[in-house]
Amino acid sequence: MVLHIKDVDYIKDYKLQLTFNDNKKKIVDLQNHLDGEIFKPLNDLNFFRQYGLTSWTIEWSNGADFAPEFLYEIGQEIKN
């Protein structure tokens, strides 16, 4: 199965709740993953909160995105 994100909700700070196409929901905290030129603007919370959902992952207007496999790996699963 090719992993992708179906839904995203902002929680607080640099935390997002992601729903993946295997129906697992995970909380990801991206605060420690905003290094490098493309990710630096995301350190501004106002900019961070302006994400969009593409057909496979979350993306920001400056072109920054994260692979869904990476987000899945670092996420904390939410048990229903």
Protein backbone atom coordinates (compact mmCIF):
# COMPACT_ATOMS: atom_id res chain seq x y z
CA MET A 1 0.00 0.00 0.00
CA VAL A 2 1.24 3.46 -0.87
CA LEU A 3 0.90 5.64 2.21
CA HIS A 4 -0.79 9.02 2.01
CA ILE A 5 -2.56 11.48 4.27
CA LYS A 6 -6.34 11.78 3.99
CA ASP A 7 -6.96 14.51 6.57
CA VAL A 8 -5.03 16.96 8.75
CA ASP A 9 -6.07 19.04 11.76
CA TYR A 10 -4.03 21.62 13.63
CA ILE A 11 -3.69 20.79 17.35
CA LYS A 12 -1.36 23.41 18.88
CA ASP A 13 2.21 24.68 18.58
CA TYR A 14 3.84 22.49 15.92
CA LYS A 15 1.50 19.53 16.42
CA LEU A 16 -0.84 18.18 13.77
CA GLN A 17 -3.29 15.30 13.84
CA LEU A 18 -3.00 13.28 10.65
CA THR A 19 -5.33 10.62 9.29
CA PHE A 20 -3.60 8.19 6.95
CA ASN A 21 -5.14 6.04 4.24
CA ASP A 22 -4.87 2.96 6.49
CA ASN A 23 -7.31 4.88 8.77
CA LYS A 24 -4.74 5.29 11.55
CA LYS A 25 -4.70 8.68 13.24
CA LYS A 26 -1.43 10.02 14.55
CA ILE A 27 -0.22 13.17 16.26
CA VAL A 28 3.03 14.53 14.83
CA ASP A 29 5.15 17.20 16.52
CA LEU A 30 7.26 18.85 13.84
CA GLN A 31 9.03 21.37 16.07
CA ASN A 32 12.36 19.49 15.98
CA HIS A 33 12.12 18.80 12.24
CA LEU A 34 12.12 22.35 10.85
CA ASP A 35 15.79 22.59 9.91
CA GLY A 36 17.17 23.50 6.53
CA GLU A 37 16.41 26.36 4.18
CA ILE A 38 13.02 25.11 2.96
CA PHE A 39 11.71 24.45 6.49
CA LYS A 40 13.02 27.60 8.25
CA PRO A 41 9.89 29.69 7.44
CA LEU A 42 7.77 27.06 9.23
CA ASN A 43 9.34 28.11 12.53
CA ASP A 44 6.93 31.07 12.37
CA LEU A 45 3.74 29.58 13.83
CA ASN A 46 1.55 31.87 11.74
CA PHE A 47 3.15 30.44 8.60
CA PHE A 48 3.19 26.88 9.97
CA ARG A 49 -0.60 26.95 10.43
CA GLN A 50 -1.08 27.78 6.73
CA TYR A 51 -0.54 24.22 5.49
CA GLY A 52 -2.51 22.58 2.73
CA LEU A 53 -3.37 18.99 1.94
CA THR A 54 -2.20 17.66 -1.41
CA SER A 55 -3.26 14.33 -2.86
CA TRP A 56 -0.63 12.58 -0.72
CA THR A 57 0.80 14.80 2.07
CA ILE A 58 0.78 18.20 3.76
CA GLU A 59 2.50 21.11 2.03
CA TRP A 60 3.17 24.80 2.60
CA SER A 61 3.10 27.64 0.07
CA ASN A 62 6.91 27.81 -0.07
CA GLY A 63 7.05 24.21 -1.34
CA ALA A 64 8.01 22.60 1.98
CA ASP A 65 6.46 19.18 2.56
CA PHE A 66 7.13 15.97 4.45
CA ALA A 67 6.98 12.44 3.10
CA PRO A 68 3.95 10.63 4.50
CA GLU A 69 6.20 7.70 5.47
CA PHE A 70 8.31 10.02 7.64
CA LEU A 71 5.22 11.53 9.29
CA TYR A 72 3.82 8.04 9.90
CA GLU A 73 7.09 6.94 11.51
CA ILE A 74 7.41 9.92 13.89
CA GLY A 75 3.69 10.09 14.74
CA GLN A 76 2.14 8.96 17.99
CA GLU A 77 -0.87 6.78 17.21
CA ILE A 78 -4.20 7.82 18.67
CA LYS A 79 -6.06 4.82 20.04
CA ASN A 80 -9.82 4.95 19.54
